[in-house]
């Protein structure tokens, strides 16, 4: 009799486990679809005085474009600010530091107290083989997860560097599981006239960006969910 009860208990436990997995998977899928559906919709007006902001910088023209964009924003609405760049990109953080320092001199306040400069591991360096990039990508994702848990930004600003991808993916997952709803604003680089960058294409197709902006009208026609804002440089 005891042996028979044991055989009966095992399939019941297995069925309960399968049911639990199905319920969790269904919930995650429904939640992911909801988050994707919400992307691109006008953001709700809140009474927040300021929002913690993660600003992703990139080598080359990405940093120049991002700093130019920041110069047009109300800085008091985006504090504290966290600047992040690849671990091998010291120049971008230096430029951001100089901009913040000039802001202090202009306003006379101590703005630098609400500003932090951080670095993140790159998923893949230029010329790195795809085989070795698997390991570095995993390290980059783990590092990005640690940074996002530490900062938990309300706003993410990015414009194309590959370093933004793991951060945006983790921000999306945080929305799905309900940890933090970070509003991601993606501004495609002005250098992208006919096609989106790889980072932009992934964020656009997967609906990970809450607001997606392009600087050329032909791009907006090709990607109708994007918003055309004209040349920002």
C-alpha atoms as a PDB file:
ATOM      1  CA  UNK A   1       0.000   0.000   0.000  1.00  0.00           C
ATOM      2  CA  UNK A   2       2.842   2.426   0.967  1.00  0.00           C
ATOM      3  CA  UNK A   3       4.641   1.615  -2.284  1.00  0.00           C
ATOM      4  CA  UNK A   4       1.517   2.404  -4.261  1.00  0.00           C
ATOM      5  CA  UNK A   5       1.127   5.748  -2.483  1.00  0.00           C
ATOM      6  CA  UNK A   6       4.721   6.607  -3.406  1.00  0.00           C
ATOM      7  CA  UNK A   7       4.077   5.923  -7.079  1.00  0.00           C
ATOM      8  CA  UNK A   8       0.933   8.067  -6.887  1.00  0.00           C
ATOM      9  CA  UNK A   9       2.712  10.955  -5.158  1.00  0.00           C
ATOM     10  CA  UNK A  10       5.475  11.244  -7.790  1.00  0.00           C
ATOM     11  CA  UNK A  11       3.252  12.051 -10.807  1.00  0.00           C
ATOM     12  CA  UNK A  12       1.235  14.478  -8.674  1.00  0.00           C
ATOM     13  CA  UNK A  13       4.418  16.351  -7.739  1.00  0.00           C
ATOM     14  CA  UNK A  14       5.604  16.311 -11.337  1.00  0.00           C
ATOM     15  CA  UNK A  15       2.276  17.652 -12.577  1.00  0.00           C
ATOM     16  CA  UNK A  16       2.324  20.418  -9.957  1.00  0.00           C
ATOM     17  CA  UNK A  17       5.863  21.408 -10.997  1.00  0.00           C
ATOM     18  CA  UNK A  18       4.909  21.493 -14.680  1.00  0.00           C
ATOM     19  CA  UNK A  19       1.814  23.554 -13.882  1.00  0.00           C
ATOM     20  CA  UNK A  20       3.906  26.028 -11.860  1.00  0.00           C
ATOM     21  CA  UNK A  21       6.426  26.388 -14.700  1.00  0.00           C
ATOM     22  CA  UNK A  22       3.623  26.945 -17.217  1.00  0.00           C
ATOM     23  CA  UNK A  23       1.999  29.603 -15.005  1.00  0.00           C
ATOM     24  CA  UNK A  24       5.278  31.450 -14.454  1.00  0.00           C
ATOM     25  CA  UNK A  25       6.143  31.298 -18.161  1.00  0.00           C
ATOM     26  CA  UNK A  26       2.681  32.549 -19.104  1.00  0.00           C
ATOM     27  CA  UNK A  27       2.912  35.405 -16.625  1.00  0.00           C
ATOM     28  CA  UNK A  28       6.350  36.455 -17.904  1.00  0.00           C
ATOM     29  CA  UNK A  29       5.175  36.347 -21.535  1.00  0.00           C
ATOM     30  CA  UNK A  30       2.045  38.379 -20.784  1.00  0.00           C
ATOM     31  CA  UNK A  31       4.071  40.874 -18.788  1.00  0.00           C
ATOM     32  CA  UNK A  32       6.681  41.141 -21.576  1.00  0.00           C
ATOM     33  CA  UNK A  33       3.948  41.749 -24.164  1.00  0.00           C
ATOM     34  CA  UNK A  34       2.446  44.433 -21.925  1.00  0.00           C
ATOM     35  CA  UNK A  35       5.801  46.192 -21.560  1.00  0.00           C
ATOM     36  CA  UNK A  36       6.390  46.017 -25.329  1.00  0.00           C
ATOM     37  CA  UNK A  37       2.878  47.354 -25.942  1.00  0.00           C
ATOM     38  CA  UNK A  38       3.515  50.303 -23.634  1.00  0.00           C
ATOM     39  CA  UNK A  39       6.713  51.323 -25.448  1.00  0.00           C
ATOM     40  CA  UNK A  40       6.285  54.257 -27.793  1.00  0.00           C
ATOM     41  CA  UNK A  41       3.258  55.621 -25.957  1.00  0.00           C
ATOM     42  CA  UNK A  42       3.340  59.168 -24.546  1.00  0.00           C
ATOM     43  CA  UNK A  43       4.824  59.146 -21.079  1.00  0.00           C
ATOM     44  CA  UNK A  44       2.591  60.042 -18.177  1.00  0.00           C
ATOM     45  CA  UNK A  45       3.229  63.384 -16.545  1.00  0.00           C
ATOM     46  CA  UNK A  46       4.437  62.916 -12.995  1.00  0.00           C
ATOM     47  CA  UNK A  47       4.951  65.257 -10.106  1.00  0.00           C
ATOM     48  CA  UNK A  48       8.591  64.228  -9.715  1.00  0.00           C
ATOM     49  CA  UNK A  49      10.939  67.165  -9.321  1.00  0.00           C
ATOM     50  CA  UNK A  50      13.827  65.219 -10.830  1.00  0.00           C
ATOM     51  CA  UNK A  51      14.631  61.749 -12.119  1.00  0.00           C
ATOM     52  CA  UNK A  52      17.806  59.724 -11.650  1.00  0.00           C
ATOM     53  CA  UNK A  53      19.296  59.475 -15.134  1.00  0.00           C
ATOM     54  CA  UNK A  54      21.744  57.021 -16.673  1.00  0.00           C
ATOM     55  CA  UNK A  55      23.588  58.538 -19.645  1.00  0.00           C
ATOM     56  CA  UNK A  56      25.393  56.092 -21.937  1.00  0.00           C
ATOM     57  CA  UNK A  57      28.410  57.518 -23.747  1.00  0.00           C
ATOM     58  CA  UNK A  58      30.310  56.012 -26.676  1.00  0.00           C
ATOM     59  CA  UNK A  59      33.548  56.541 -28.506  1.00  0.00           C
ATOM     60  CA  UNK A  60      33.739  58.695 -31.612  1.00  0.00           C
ATOM     61  CA  UNK A  61      30.849  60.995 -32.350  1.00  0.00           C
ATOM     62  CA  UNK A  62      28.404  59.331 -29.941  1.00  0.00           C
ATOM     63  CA  UNK A  63      29.687  61.260 -26.927  1.00  0.00           C
ATOM     64  CA  UNK A  64      29.728  64.591 -28.795  1.00  0.00           C
ATOM     65  CA  UNK A  65      26.115  64.061 -29.872  1.00  0.00           C
ATOM     66  CA  UNK A  66      25.007  63.024 -26.402  1.00  0.00           C
ATOM     67  CA  UNK A  67      26.658  65.983 -24.670  1.00  0.00           C
ATOM     68  CA  UNK A  68      25.117  68.310 -27.243  1.00  0.00           C
ATOM     69  CA  UNK A  69      21.725  66.777 -26.500  1.00  0.00           C
ATOM     70  CA  UNK A  70      22.246  67.196 -22.754  1.00  0.00           C
ATOM     71  CA  UNK A  71      23.051  70.867 -23.241  1.00  0.00           C
ATOM     72  CA  UNK A  72      19.446  71.346 -24.436  1.00  0.00           C
ATOM     73  CA  UNK A  73      17.858  69.682 -21.398  1.00  0.00           C
ATOM     74  CA  UNK A  74      16.880  71.122 -18.037  1.00  0.00           C
ATOM     75  CA  UNK A  75      19.620  69.658 -15.857  1.00  0.00           C
ATOM     76  CA  UNK A  76      17.614  70.007 -12.651  1.00  0.00           C
ATOM     77  CA  UNK A  77      15.007  67.619 -14.086  1.00  0.00           C
ATOM     78  CA  UNK A  78      17.620  64.906 -14.628  1.00  0.00           C
ATOM     79  CA  UNK A  79      19.451  64.481 -11.340  1.00  0.00           C
ATOM     80  CA  UNK A  80      21.330  62.636 -10.068  1.00  0.00           C
ATOM     81  CA  UNK A  81      23.147  61.880 -13.341  1.00  0.00           C
ATOM     82  CA  UNK A  82      25.224  58.767 -13.929  1.00  0.00           C
ATOM     83  CA  UNK A  83      27.566  58.858 -16.910  1.00  0.00           C
ATOM     84  CA  UNK A  84      28.749  55.482 -18.129  1.00  0.00           C
ATOM     85  CA  UNK A  85      31.229  54.542 -20.850  1.00  0.00           C
ATOM     86  CA  UNK A  86      33.215  51.477 -21.899  1.00  0.00           C
ATOM     87  CA  UNK A  87      36.158  50.543 -19.694  1.00  0.00           C
ATOM     88  CA  UNK A  88      38.525  51.305 -22.576  1.00  0.00           C
ATOM     89  CA  UNK A  89      36.961  54.706 -23.305  1.00  0.00           C
ATOM     90  CA  UNK A  90      38.460  57.286 -20.944  1.00  0.00           C
ATOM     91  CA  UNK A  91      38.035  60.213 -23.323  1.00  0.00           C
ATOM     92  CA  UNK A  92      34.223  60.190 -23.174  1.00  0.00           C
ATOM     93  CA  UNK A  93      34.120  60.432 -19.390  1.00  0.00           C
ATOM     94  CA  UNK A  94      36.698  63.239 -19.458  1.00  0.00           C
ATOM     95  CA  UNK A  95      34.491  65.206 -21.853  1.00  0.00           C
ATOM     96  CA  UNK A  96      31.438  64.632 -19.649  1.00  0.00           C
ATOM     97  CA  UNK A  97      33.392  65.724 -16.579  1.00  0.00           C
ATOM     98  CA  UNK A  98      34.481  68.924 -18.331  1.00  0.00           C
ATOM     99  CA  UNK A  99      30.873  69.671 -19.307  1.00  0.00           C
ATOM    100  CA  UNK A 100      29.659  69.186 -15.737  1.00  0.00           C
ATOM    101  CA  UNK A 101      32.517  71.309 -14.431  1.00  0.00           C
ATOM    102  CA  UNK A 102      31.612  74.128 -16.816  1.00  0.00           C
ATOM    103  CA  UNK A 103      28.012  73.829 -15.632  1.00  0.00           C
ATOM    104  CA  UNK A 104      29.189  74.344 -12.049  1.00  0.00           C
ATOM    105  CA  UNK A 105      31.107  77.455 -13.083  1.00  0.00           C
ATOM    106  CA  UNK A 106      28.078  78.842 -14.913  1.00  0.00           C
ATOM    107  CA  UNK A 107      25.525  78.199 -12.165  1.00  0.00           C
ATOM    108  CA  UNK A 108      27.757  78.664  -9.162  1.00  0.00           C
ATOM    109  CA  UNK A 109      26.289  75.563  -7.544  1.00  0.00           C
ATOM    110  CA  UNK A 110      27.923  72.306  -6.570  1.00  0.00           C
ATOM    111  CA  UNK A 111      26.357  70.167  -9.305  1.00  0.00           C
ATOM    112  CA  UNK A 112      29.167  67.611  -9.259  1.00  0.00           C
ATOM    113  CA  UNK A 113      27.837  66.235  -5.967  1.00  0.00           C
ATOM    114  CA  UNK A 114      24.883  64.774  -7.870  1.00  0.00           C
ATOM    115  CA  UNK A 115      26.984  63.388 -10.734  1.00  0.00           C
ATOM    116  CA  UNK A 116      28.847  60.084 -10.974  1.00  0.00           C
ATOM    117  CA  UNK A 117      31.136  58.728 -13.679  1.00  0.00           C
ATOM    118  CA  UNK A 118      31.289  54.975 -14.232  1.00  0.00           C
ATOM    119  CA  UNK A 119      32.780  52.439 -16.628  1.00  0.00           C
ATOM    120  CA  UNK A 120      31.412  49.169 -17.951  1.00  0.00           C
ATOM    121  CA  UNK A 121      33.035  46.182 -19.613  1.00  0.00           C
ATOM    122  CA  UNK A 122      32.606  46.014 -23.365  1.00  0.00           C
ATOM    123  CA  UNK A 123      30.869  42.993 -24.906  1.00  0.00           C
ATOM    124  CA  UNK A 124      33.287  42.979 -27.811  1.00  0.00           C
ATOM    125  CA  UNK A 125      36.304  45.044 -28.722  1.00  0.00           C
ATOM    126  CA  UNK A 126      37.003  46.106 -32.289  1.00  0.00           C
ATOM    127  CA  UNK A 127      38.717  43.220 -34.103  1.00  0.00           C
ATOM    128  CA  UNK A 128      37.993  40.693 -31.341  1.00  0.00           C
ATOM    129  CA  UNK A 129      37.067  37.204 -32.524  1.00  0.00           C
ATOM    130  CA  UNK A 130      33.468  36.080 -32.103  1.00  0.00           C
ATOM    131  CA  UNK A 131      34.537  32.992 -30.133  1.00  0.00           C
ATOM    132  CA  UNK A 132      36.342  34.942 -27.426  1.00  0.00           C
ATOM    133  CA  UNK A 133      33.600  37.575 -27.415  1.00  0.00           C
ATOM    134  CA  UNK A 134      31.181  35.031 -25.907  1.00  0.00           C
ATOM    135  CA  UNK A 135      33.052  35.139 -22.600  1.00  0.00           C
ATOM    136  CA  UNK A 136      33.464  38.915 -22.616  1.00  0.00           C
ATOM    137  CA  UNK A 137      29.772  39.334 -23.419  1.00  0.00           C
ATOM    138  CA  UNK A 138      28.787  37.273 -20.367  1.00  0.00           C
ATOM    139  CA  UNK A 139      31.123  39.367 -18.202  1.00  0.00           C
ATOM    140  CA  UNK A 140      29.662  42.566 -19.661  1.00  0.00           C
ATOM    141  CA  UNK A 141      26.099  41.407 -18.947  1.00  0.00           C
ATOM    142  CA  UNK A 142      26.981  40.499 -15.348  1.00  0.00           C
ATOM    143  CA  UNK A 143      28.654  43.876 -14.867  1.00  0.00           C
ATOM    144  CA  UNK A 144      25.684  45.676 -16.424  1.00  0.00           C
ATOM    145  CA  UNK A 145      23.333  43.811 -14.072  1.00  0.00           C
ATOM    146  CA  UNK A 146      25.366  44.898 -11.052  1.00  0.00           C
ATOM    147  CA  UNK A 147      25.347  48.522 -12.246  1.00  0.00           C
ATOM    148  CA  UNK A 148      21.595  48.533 -12.905  1.00  0.00           C
ATOM    149  CA  UNK A 149      20.854  47.032  -9.488  1.00  0.00           C
ATOM    150  CA  UNK A 150      23.068  49.646  -7.877  1.00  0.00           C
ATOM    151  CA  UNK A 151      21.697  52.669  -9.775  1.00  0.00           C
ATOM    152  CA  UNK A 152      18.127  51.643 -10.667  1.00  0.00           C
ATOM    153  CA  UNK A 153      17.711  54.722 -12.896  1.00  0.00           C
ATOM    154  CA  UNK A 154      14.350  56.234 -13.718  1.00  0.00           C
ATOM    155  CA  UNK A 155      15.575  57.473 -17.111  1.00  0.00           C
ATOM    156  CA  UNK A 156      18.102  56.017 -19.572  1.00  0.00           C
ATOM    157  CA  UNK A 157      19.522  58.167 -22.373  1.00  0.00           C
ATOM    158  CA  UNK A 158      21.487  56.493 -25.175  1.00  0.00           C
ATOM    159  CA  UNK A 159      22.306  57.114 -28.812  1.00  0.00           C
ATOM    160  CA  UNK A 160      23.834  54.044 -30.352  1.00  0.00           C
ATOM    161  CA  UNK A 161      27.039  52.747 -28.720  1.00  0.00           C
ATOM    162  CA  UNK A 162      27.090  48.985 -28.214  1.00  0.00           C
ATOM    163  CA  UNK A 163      27.627  49.481 -24.483  1.00  0.00           C
ATOM    164  CA  UNK A 164      23.979  50.544 -24.183  1.00  0.00           C
ATOM    165  CA  UNK A 165      22.602  47.162 -25.275  1.00  0.00           C
ATOM    166  CA  UNK A 166      23.157  45.100 -22.094  1.00  0.00           C
ATOM    167  CA  UNK A 167      21.963  48.026 -19.976  1.00  0.00           C
ATOM    168  CA  UNK A 168      18.769  48.449 -22.018  1.00  0.00           C
ATOM    169  CA  UNK A 169      18.092  44.699 -22.041  1.00  0.00           C
ATOM    170  CA  UNK A 170      18.402  44.529 -18.255  1.00  0.00           C
ATOM    171  CA  UNK A 171      16.200  47.624 -17.892  1.00  0.00           C
ATOM    172  CA  UNK A 172      13.583  45.854 -20.032  1.00  0.00           C
ATOM    173  CA  UNK A 173      13.794  42.704 -17.876  1.00  0.00           C
ATOM    174  CA  UNK A 174      13.441  44.840 -14.743  1.00  0.00           C
ATOM    175  CA  UNK A 175      10.177  46.179 -16.177  1.00  0.00           C
ATOM    176  CA  UNK A 176       8.930  42.682 -16.928  1.00  0.00           C
ATOM    177  CA  UNK A 177       9.547  41.360 -13.409  1.00  0.00           C
ATOM    178  CA  UNK A 178       8.455  44.608 -11.751  1.00  0.00           C
ATOM    179  CA  UNK A 179      11.754  45.682 -10.174  1.00  0.00           C
ATOM    180  CA  UNK A 180      11.929  49.147 -11.744  1.00  0.00           C
ATOM    181  CA  UNK A 181      10.241  50.904 -14.662  1.00  0.00           C
ATOM    182  CA  UNK A 182      13.049  52.848 -16.334  1.00  0.00           C
ATOM    183  CA  UNK A 183      12.021  55.063 -19.245  1.00  0.00           C
ATOM    184  CA  UNK A 184      14.508  54.449 -22.070  1.00  0.00           C
ATOM    185  CA  UNK A 185      15.040  57.238 -24.599  1.00  0.00           C
ATOM    186  CA  UNK A 186      17.022  56.254 -27.669  1.00  0.00           C
ATOM    187  CA  UNK A 187      18.271  58.916 -30.101  1.00  0.00           C
ATOM    188  CA  UNK A 188      19.766  57.432 -33.257  1.00  0.00           C
ATOM    189  CA  UNK A 189      23.066  58.972 -34.319  1.00  0.00           C
ATOM    190  CA  UNK A 190      22.982  61.691 -36.954  1.00  0.00           C
ATOM    191  CA  UNK A 191      25.426  59.561 -38.942  1.00  0.00           C
ATOM    192  CA  UNK A 192      22.620  57.067 -39.561  1.00  0.00           C
ATOM    193  CA  UNK A 193      20.860  58.498 -42.602  1.00  0.00           C
ATOM    194  CA  UNK A 194      19.341  55.460 -44.355  1.00  0.00           C
ATOM    195  CA  UNK A 195      19.565  52.597 -41.860  1.00  0.00           C
ATOM    196  CA  UNK A 196      19.511  52.196 -38.106  1.00  0.00           C
ATOM    197  CA  UNK A 197      22.597  51.089 -36.244  1.00  0.00           C
ATOM    198  CA  UNK A 198      22.633  47.521 -34.903  1.00  0.00           C
ATOM    199  CA  UNK A 199      21.878  48.779 -31.390  1.00  0.00           C
ATOM    200  CA  UNK A 200      19.041  50.939 -32.663  1.00  0.00           C
ATOM    201  CA  UNK A 201      17.597  48.187 -34.837  1.00  0.00           C
ATOM    202  CA  UNK A 202      17.501  45.708 -31.940  1.00  0.00           C
ATOM    203  CA  UNK A 203      15.912  48.198 -29.550  1.00  0.00           C
ATOM    204  CA  UNK A 204      13.386  49.226 -32.199  1.00  0.00           C
ATOM    205  CA  UNK A 205      12.405  45.713 -33.295  1.00  0.00           C
ATOM    206  CA  UNK A 206      12.199  44.357 -29.751  1.00  0.00           C
ATOM    207  CA  UNK A 207      10.379  47.491 -28.513  1.00  0.00           C
ATOM    208  CA  UNK A 208      12.819  47.985 -25.657  1.00  0.00           C
ATOM    209  CA  UNK A 209      12.971  51.772 -26.031  1.00  0.00           C
ATOM    210  CA  UNK A 210      10.052  53.738 -24.620  1.00  0.00           C
ATOM    211  CA  UNK A 211      10.746  56.611 -27.007  1.00  0.00           C
ATOM    212  CA  UNK A 212      12.772  56.228 -30.208  1.00  0.00           C
ATOM    213  CA  UNK A 213      14.068  59.301 -32.061  1.00  0.00           C
ATOM    214  CA  UNK A 214      15.728  59.706 -35.464  1.00  0.00           C
ATOM    215  CA  UNK A 215      17.338  62.759 -37.027  1.00  0.00           C
ATOM    216  CA  UNK A 216      16.464  62.134 -40.681  1.00  0.00           C
ATOM    217  CA  UNK A 217      12.930  62.108 -42.180  1.00  0.00           C
ATOM    218  CA  UNK A 218      13.658  59.111 -44.429  1.00  0.00           C
ATOM    219  CA  UNK A 219      14.457  57.033 -41.358  1.00  0.00           C
ATOM    220  CA  UNK A 220      11.134  57.942 -39.797  1.00  0.00           C
ATOM    221  CA  UNK A 221       9.335  56.843 -42.958  1.00  0.00           C
ATOM    222  CA  UNK A 222      11.180  53.528 -42.879  1.00  0.00           C
ATOM    223  CA  UNK A 223      10.608  53.020 -39.142  1.00  0.00           C
ATOM    224  CA  UNK A 224       7.170  54.577 -38.440  1.00  0.00           C
ATOM    225  CA  UNK A 225       7.273  54.100 -34.658  1.00  0.00           C
ATOM    226  CA  UNK A 226      10.274  56.421 -34.497  1.00  0.00           C
ATOM    227  CA  UNK A 227       9.880  60.161 -33.892  1.00  0.00           C
ATOM    228  CA  UNK A 228      11.609  62.579 -36.226  1.00  0.00           C
ATOM    229  CA  UNK A 229      13.236  65.417 -34.254  1.00  0.00           C
ATOM    230  CA  UNK A 230      15.479  66.984 -36.899  1.00  0.00           C
ATOM    231  CA  UNK A 231      19.261  67.397 -36.653  1.00  0.00           C
ATOM    232  CA  UNK A 232      20.332  67.886 -33.056  1.00  0.00           C
ATOM    233  CA  UNK A 233      23.960  68.736 -33.822  1.00  0.00           C
END
